[in-house]
Amino acid sequence: MAFFGGGDREHQIVNKRFKALQTHDWLRLKANFKFQIVEDVFRSRVPDLLQWVLRFSYGLLYGGSVRA
């Protein structure tokens, strides 16, 4: 509309909607970045840590002493 000889009013409408789109896209990208970090921690780091804790606690409970 504003690209094909539209008036000043059409140009303002397009700019306003484009700014709203940019703001929405920026918020979406920022949220994705934050949640991607959290998702990475819970998908790859927590299972390994939990497995290590379970193995260590099992070894302490049922492994006997170091001298045995």
PDB file of N, CA and C in Angstrom:
ATOM      1  N   MET A   1       0.837  -1.176   0.000  1.00  0.00           N
ATOM      2  CA  MET A   1       0.000   0.000   0.000  1.00  0.00           C
ATOM      3  C   MET A   1       0.887   1.246   0.000  1.00  0.00           C
ATOM      4  N   ALA A   2       1.758   1.374   1.031  1.00  0.00           N
ATOM      5  CA  ALA A   2       2.612   2.560   1.083  1.00  0.00           C
ATOM      6  C   ALA A   2       3.777   2.437   0.118  1.00  0.00           C
ATOM      7  N   PHE A   3       4.017   1.230  -0.370  1.00  0.00           N
ATOM      8  CA  PHE A   3       5.141   1.025  -1.275  1.00  0.00           C
ATOM      9  C   PHE A   3       4.795   1.410  -2.713  1.00  0.00           C
ATOM     10  N   PHE A   4       3.512   1.533  -3.033  1.00  0.00           N
ATOM     11  CA  PHE A   4       3.086   1.846  -4.396  1.00  0.00           C
ATOM     12  C   PHE A   4       2.450   3.219  -4.460  1.00  0.00           C
ATOM     13  N   GLY A   5       3.071   4.192  -3.844  1.00  0.00           N
ATOM     14  CA  GLY A   5       2.609   5.561  -3.919  1.00  0.00           C
ATOM     15  C   GLY A   5       1.530   5.902  -2.916  1.00  0.00           C
ATOM     16  N   GLY A   6       1.415   5.146  -1.844  1.00  0.00           N
ATOM     17  CA  GLY A   6       0.442   5.449  -0.806  1.00  0.00           C
ATOM     18  C   GLY A   6       0.798   6.752  -0.113  1.00  0.00           C
ATOM     19  N   GLY A   7      -0.159   7.275   0.560  1.00  0.00           N
ATOM     20  CA  GLY A   7       0.055   8.541   1.239  1.00  0.00           C
ATOM     21  C   GLY A   7       0.799   8.382   2.548  1.00  0.00           C
ATOM     22  N   ASP A   8       0.891   9.473   3.249  1.00  0.00           N
ATOM     23  CA  ASP A   8       1.600   9.499   4.530  1.00  0.00           C
ATOM     24  C   ASP A   8       0.896   8.625   5.563  1.00  0.00           C
ATOM     25  N   ARG A   9      -0.425   8.606   5.521  1.00  0.00           N
ATOM     26  CA  ARG A   9      -1.209   7.820   6.488  1.00  0.00           C
ATOM     27  C   ARG A   9      -0.936   6.323   6.312  1.00  0.00           C
ATOM     28  N   GLU A  10      -0.914   5.864   5.062  1.00  0.00           N
ATOM     29  CA  GLU A  10      -0.636   4.451   4.801  1.00  0.00           C
ATOM     30  C   GLU A  10       0.783   4.080   5.228  1.00  0.00           C
ATOM     31  N   HIS A  11       1.709   4.991   4.988  1.00  0.00           N
ATOM     32  CA  HIS A  11       3.094   4.754   5.384  1.00  0.00           C
ATOM     33  C   HIS A  11       3.210   4.619   6.908  1.00  0.00           C
ATOM     34  N   GLN A  12       2.480   5.421   7.642  1.00  0.00           N
ATOM     35  CA  GLN A  12       2.498   5.337   9.106  1.00  0.00           C
ATOM     36  C   GLN A  12       1.875   4.035   9.593  1.00  0.00           C
ATOM     37  N   ILE A  13       0.795   3.592   8.950  1.00  0.00           N
ATOM     38  CA  ILE A  13       0.147   2.329   9.339  1.00  0.00           C
ATOM     39  C   ILE A  13       1.104   1.155   9.136  1.00  0.00           C
ATOM     40  N   VAL A  14       1.766   1.129   7.976  1.00  0.00           N
ATOM     41  CA  VAL A  14       2.707   0.041   7.695  1.00  0.00           C
ATOM     42  C   VAL A  14       3.874   0.073   8.678  1.00  0.00           C
ATOM     43  N   ASN A  15       4.414   1.240   8.955  1.00  0.00           N
ATOM     44  CA  ASN A  15       5.529   1.341   9.908  1.00  0.00           C
ATOM     45  C   ASN A  15       5.117   0.912  11.304  1.00  0.00           C
ATOM     46  N   LYS A  16       3.912   1.277  11.722  1.00  0.00           N
ATOM     47  CA  LYS A  16       3.425   0.903  13.054  1.00  0.00           C
ATOM     48  C   LYS A  16       3.290  -0.611  13.170  1.00  0.00           C
ATOM     49  N   ARG A  17       2.719  -1.247  12.157  1.00  0.00           N
ATOM     50  CA  ARG A  17       2.566  -2.709  12.196  1.00  0.00           C
ATOM     51  C   ARG A  17       3.910  -3.418  12.098  1.00  0.00           C
ATOM     52  N   PHE A  18       4.819  -2.856  11.308  1.00  0.00           N
ATOM     53  CA  PHE A  18       6.142  -3.456  11.201  1.00  0.00           C
ATOM     54  C   PHE A  18       6.892  -3.369  12.525  1.00  0.00           C
ATOM     55  N   LYS A  19       6.780  -2.246  13.220  1.00  0.00           N
ATOM     56  CA  LYS A  19       7.407  -2.111  14.545  1.00  0.00           C
ATOM     57  C   LYS A  19       6.810  -3.109  15.529  1.00  0.00           C
ATOM     58  N   ALA A  20       5.483  -3.316  15.449  1.00  0.00           N
ATOM     59  CA  ALA A  20       4.835  -4.300  16.330  1.00  0.00           C
ATOM     60  C   ALA A  20       5.345  -5.705  16.016  1.00  0.00           C
ATOM     61  N   LEU A  21       5.523  -6.009  14.741  1.00  0.00           N
ATOM     62  CA  LEU A  21       6.057  -7.310  14.345  1.00  0.00           C
ATOM     63  C   LEU A  21       7.488  -7.485  14.832  1.00  0.00           C
ATOM     64  N   GLN A  22       8.296  -6.463  14.714  1.00  0.00           N
ATOM     65  CA  GLN A  22       9.681  -6.535  15.192  1.00  0.00           C
ATOM     66  C   GLN A  22       9.728  -6.755  16.696  1.00  0.00           C
ATOM     67  N   THR A  23       8.889  -6.041  17.434  1.00  0.00           N
ATOM     68  CA  THR A  23       8.852  -6.197  18.892  1.00  0.00           C
ATOM     69  C   THR A  23       8.440  -7.610  19.269  1.00  0.00           C
ATOM     70  N   HIS A  24       7.408  -8.121  18.612  1.00  0.00           N
ATOM     71  CA  HIS A  24       6.933  -9.484  18.899  1.00  0.00           C
ATOM     72  C   HIS A  24       8.012 -10.512  18.563  1.00  0.00           C
ATOM     73  N   ASP A  25       8.667 -10.353  17.429  1.00  0.00           N
ATOM     74  CA  ASP A  25       9.709 -11.290  17.017  1.00  0.00           C
ATOM     75  C   ASP A  25      10.894 -11.245  17.974  1.00  0.00           C
ATOM     76  N   TRP A  26      11.282 -10.068  18.428  1.00  0.00           N
ATOM     77  CA  TRP A  26      12.391  -9.938  19.375  1.00  0.00           C
ATOM     78  C   TRP A  26      12.064 -10.626  20.696  1.00  0.00           C
ATOM     79  N   LEU A  27      10.840 -10.452  21.183  1.00  0.00           N
ATOM     80  CA  LEU A  27      10.450 -11.110  22.436  1.00  0.00           C
ATOM     81  C   LEU A  27      10.438 -12.629  22.285  1.00  0.00           C
ATOM     82  N   ARG A  28       9.987 -13.105  21.128  1.00  0.00           N
ATOM     83  CA  ARG A  28       9.965 -14.543  20.875  1.00  0.00           C
ATOM     84  C   ARG A  28      11.383 -15.105  20.825  1.00  0.00           C
ATOM     85  N   LEU A  29      12.293 -14.413  20.161  1.00  0.00           N
ATOM     86  CA  LEU A  29      13.671 -14.881  20.086  1.00  0.00           C
ATOM     87  C   LEU A  29      14.349 -14.875  21.452  1.00  0.00           C
ATOM     88  N   LYS A  30      14.079 -13.849  22.243  1.00  0.00           N
ATOM     89  CA  LYS A  30      14.663 -13.769  23.587  1.00  0.00           C
ATOM     90  C   LYS A  30      14.146 -14.905  24.469  1.00  0.00           C
ATOM     91  N   ALA A  31      12.837 -15.177  24.391  1.00  0.00           N
ATOM     92  CA  ALA A  31      12.264 -16.271  25.184  1.00  0.00           C
ATOM     93  C   ALA A  31      12.816 -17.616  24.723  1.00  0.00           C
ATOM     94  N   ASN A  32      12.946 -17.812  23.411  1.00  0.00           N
ATOM     95  CA  ASN A  32      13.504 -19.065  22.903  1.00  0.00           C
ATOM     96  C   ASN A  32      14.935 -19.266  23.378  1.00  0.00           C
ATOM     97  N   PHE A  33      15.711 -18.205  23.410  1.00  0.00           N
ATOM     98  CA  PHE A  33      17.089 -18.314  23.866  1.00  0.00           C
ATOM     99  C   PHE A  33      17.144 -18.754  25.327  1.00  0.00           C
ATOM    100  N   LYS A  34      16.331 -18.113  26.170  1.00  0.00           N
ATOM    101  CA  LYS A  34      16.332 -18.464  27.593  1.00  0.00           C
ATOM    102  C   LYS A  34      15.851 -19.893  27.813  1.00  0.00           C
ATOM    103  N   PHE A  35      14.762 -20.275  27.164  1.00  0.00           N
ATOM    104  CA  PHE A  35      14.220 -21.606  27.375  1.00  0.00           C
ATOM    105  C   PHE A  35      15.067 -22.687  26.731  1.00  0.00           C
ATOM    106  N   GLN A  36      15.833 -22.337  25.716  1.00  0.00           N
ATOM    107  CA  GLN A  36      16.732 -23.312  25.118  1.00  0.00           C
ATOM    108  C   GLN A  36      17.848 -23.679  26.087  1.00  0.00           C
ATOM    109  N   ILE A  37      18.325 -22.713  26.842  1.00  0.00           N
ATOM    110  CA  ILE A  37      19.341 -22.994  27.853  1.00  0.00           C
ATOM    111  C   ILE A  37      18.773 -23.916  28.928  1.00  0.00           C
ATOM    112  N   VAL A  38      17.568 -23.615  29.399  1.00  0.00           N
ATOM    113  CA  VAL A  38      16.931 -24.449  30.428  1.00  0.00           C
ATOM    114  C   VAL A  38      16.661 -25.843  29.886  1.00  0.00           C
ATOM    115  N   GLU A  39      16.179 -25.933  28.649  1.00  0.00           N
ATOM    116  CA  GLU A  39      15.905 -27.232  28.044  1.00  0.00           C
ATOM    117  C   GLU A  39      17.187 -28.047  27.900  1.00  0.00           C
ATOM    118  N   ASP A  40      18.266 -27.409  27.522  1.00  0.00           N
ATOM    119  CA  ASP A  40      19.540 -28.111  27.392  1.00  0.00           C
ATOM    120  C   ASP A  40      19.988 -28.672  28.730  1.00  0.00           C
ATOM    121  N   VAL A  41      19.820 -27.894  29.784  1.00  0.00           N
ATOM    122  CA  VAL A  41      20.215 -28.374  31.110  1.00  0.00           C
ATOM    123  C   VAL A  41      19.395 -29.592  31.504  1.00  0.00           C
ATOM    124  N   PHE A  42      18.084 -29.526  31.315  1.00  0.00           N
ATOM    125  CA  PHE A  42      17.245 -30.635  31.751  1.00  0.00           C
ATOM    126  C   PHE A  42      17.331 -31.849  30.843  1.00  0.00           C
ATOM    127  N   ARG A  43      17.658 -31.664  29.590  1.00  0.00           N
ATOM    128  CA  ARG A  43      17.755 -32.810  28.682  1.00  0.00           C
ATOM    129  C   ARG A  43      19.087 -33.515  28.756  1.00  0.00           C
ATOM    130  N   SER A  44      20.159 -32.778  28.900  1.00  0.00           N
ATOM    131  CA  SER A  44      21.464 -33.425  28.809  1.00  0.00           C
ATOM    132  C   SER A  44      22.237 -33.454  30.116  1.00  0.00           C
ATOM    133  N   ARG A  45      22.086 -32.465  30.959  1.00  0.00           N
ATOM    134  CA  ARG A  45      22.918 -32.403  32.156  1.00  0.00           C
ATOM    135  C   ARG A  45      22.276 -33.112  33.358  1.00  0.00           C
ATOM    136  N   VAL A  46      21.008 -32.903  33.573  1.00  0.00           N
ATOM    137  CA  VAL A  46      20.354 -33.461  34.756  1.00  0.00           C
ATOM    138  C   VAL A  46      20.338 -34.987  34.745  1.00  0.00           C
ATOM    139  N   PRO A  47      20.047 -35.663  33.617  1.00  0.00           N
ATOM    140  CA  PRO A  47      20.093 -37.134  33.666  1.00  0.00           C
ATOM    141  C   PRO A  47      21.460 -37.687  34.043  1.00  0.00           C
ATOM    142  N   ASP A  48      22.528 -37.083  33.517  1.00  0.00           N
ATOM    143  CA  ASP A  48      23.869 -37.552  33.882  1.00  0.00           C
ATOM    144  C   ASP A  48      24.154 -37.319  35.360  1.00  0.00           C
ATOM    145  N   LEU A  49      23.781 -36.154  35.849  1.00  0.00           N
ATOM    146  CA  LEU A  49      23.995 -35.855  37.265  1.00  0.00           C
ATOM    147  C   LEU A  49      23.180 -36.787  38.153  1.00  0.00           C
ATOM    148  N   LEU A  50      21.930 -37.027  37.782  1.00  0.00           N
ATOM    149  CA  LEU A  50      21.083 -37.926  38.570  1.00  0.00           C
ATOM    150  C   LEU A  50      21.642 -39.343  38.567  1.00  0.00           C
ATOM    151  N   GLN A  51      22.118 -39.808  37.425  1.00  0.00           N
ATOM    152  CA  GLN A  51      22.699 -41.143  37.354  1.00  0.00           C
ATOM    153  C   GLN A  51      23.954 -41.234  38.232  1.00  0.00           C
ATOM    154  N   TRP A  52      24.772 -40.189  38.200  1.00  0.00           N
ATOM    155  CA  TRP A  52      25.975 -40.189  39.029  1.00  0.00           C
ATOM    156  C   TRP A  52      25.614 -40.230  40.509  1.00  0.00           C
ATOM    157  N   VAL A  53      24.625 -39.446  40.927  1.00  0.00           N
ATOM    158  CA  VAL A  53      24.212 -39.419  42.333  1.00  0.00           C
ATOM    159  C   VAL A  53      23.658 -40.771  42.752  1.00  0.00           C
ATOM    160  N   LEU A  54      22.839 -41.385  41.909  1.00  0.00           N
ATOM    161  CA  LEU A  54      22.275 -42.698  42.253  1.00  0.00           C
ATOM    162  C   LEU A  54      23.355 -43.759  42.356  1.00  0.00           C
ATOM    163  N   ARG A  55      24.307 -43.749  41.439  1.00  0.00           N
ATOM    164  CA  ARG A  55      25.397 -44.738  41.510  1.00  0.00           C
ATOM    165  C   ARG A  55      26.252 -44.523  42.761  1.00  0.00           C
ATOM    166  N   PHE A  56      26.545 -43.270  43.069  1.00  0.00           N
ATOM    167  CA  PHE A  56      27.358 -42.966  44.236  1.00  0.00           C
ATOM    168  C   PHE A  56      26.646 -43.371  45.524  1.00  0.00           C
ATOM    169  N   SER A  57      25.354 -43.050  45.619  1.00  0.00           N
ATOM    170  CA  SER A  57      24.616 -43.407  46.837  1.00  0.00           C
ATOM    171  C   SER A  57      24.452 -44.921  46.959  1.00  0.00           C
ATOM    172  N   TYR A  58      24.255 -45.607  45.838  1.00  0.00           N
ATOM    173  CA  TYR A  58      24.170 -47.068  45.884  1.00  0.00           C
ATOM    174  C   TYR A  58      25.499 -47.669  46.341  1.00  0.00           C
ATOM    175  N   GLY A  59      26.581 -47.115  45.835  1.00  0.00           N
ATOM    176  CA  GLY A  59      27.891 -47.607  46.248  1.00  0.00           C
ATOM    177  C   GLY A  59      28.153 -47.383  47.726  1.00  0.00           C
ATOM    178  N   LEU A  60      27.702 -46.258  48.261  1.00  0.00           N
ATOM    179  CA  LEU A  60      27.886 -45.998  49.686  1.00  0.00           C
ATOM    180  C   LEU A  60      27.032 -46.931  50.545  1.00  0.00           C
ATOM    181  N   LEU A  61      25.820 -47.194  50.086  1.00  0.00           N
ATOM    182  CA  LEU A  61      24.920 -48.027  50.894  1.00  0.00           C
ATOM    183  C   LEU A  61      25.262 -49.512  50.812  1.00  0.00           C
ATOM    184  N   TYR A  62      25.534 -50.010  49.630  1.00  0.00           N
ATOM    185  CA  TYR A  62      25.683 -51.461  49.436  1.00  0.00           C
ATOM    186  C   TYR A  62      27.069 -51.897  49.017  1.00  0.00           C
ATOM    187  N   GLY A  63      28.001 -50.988  48.895  1.00  0.00           N
ATOM    188  CA  GLY A  63      29.325 -51.345  48.411  1.00  0.00           C
ATOM    189  C   GLY A  63      30.276 -51.816  49.495  1.00  0.00           C
ATOM    190  N   GLY A  64      29.913 -51.617  50.719  1.00  0.00           N
ATOM    191  CA  GLY A  64      30.807 -51.984  51.799  1.00  0.00           C
ATOM    192  C   GLY A  64      31.859 -50.927  52.015  1.00  0.00           C
ATOM    193  N   SER A  65      32.810 -51.233  52.799  1.00  0.00           N
ATOM    194  CA  SER A  65      33.873 -50.269  53.106  1.00  0.00           C
ATOM    195  C   SER A  65      34.974 -50.369  52.060  1.00  0.00           C
ATOM    196  N   VAL A  66      35.870 -49.448  52.093  1.00  0.00           N
ATOM    197  CA  VAL A  66      36.976 -49.438  51.142  1.00  0.00           C
ATOM    198  C   VAL A  66      37.933 -50.585  51.457  1.00  0.00           C
ATOM    199  N   ARG A  67      38.134 -50.896  52.725  1.00  0.00           N
ATOM    200  CA  ARG A  67      39.060 -51.950  53.110  1.00  0.00           C
ATOM    201  C   ARG A  67      38.516 -53.319  52.731  1.00  0.00           C
ATOM    202  N   ALA A  68      37.193 -53.489  52.736  1.00  0.00           N
ATOM    203  CA  ALA A  68      36.611 -54.798  52.395  1.00  0.00           C
ATOM    204  C   ALA A  68      36.749 -55.025  50.911  1.00  0.00           C
TER     205      ALA A  68
END
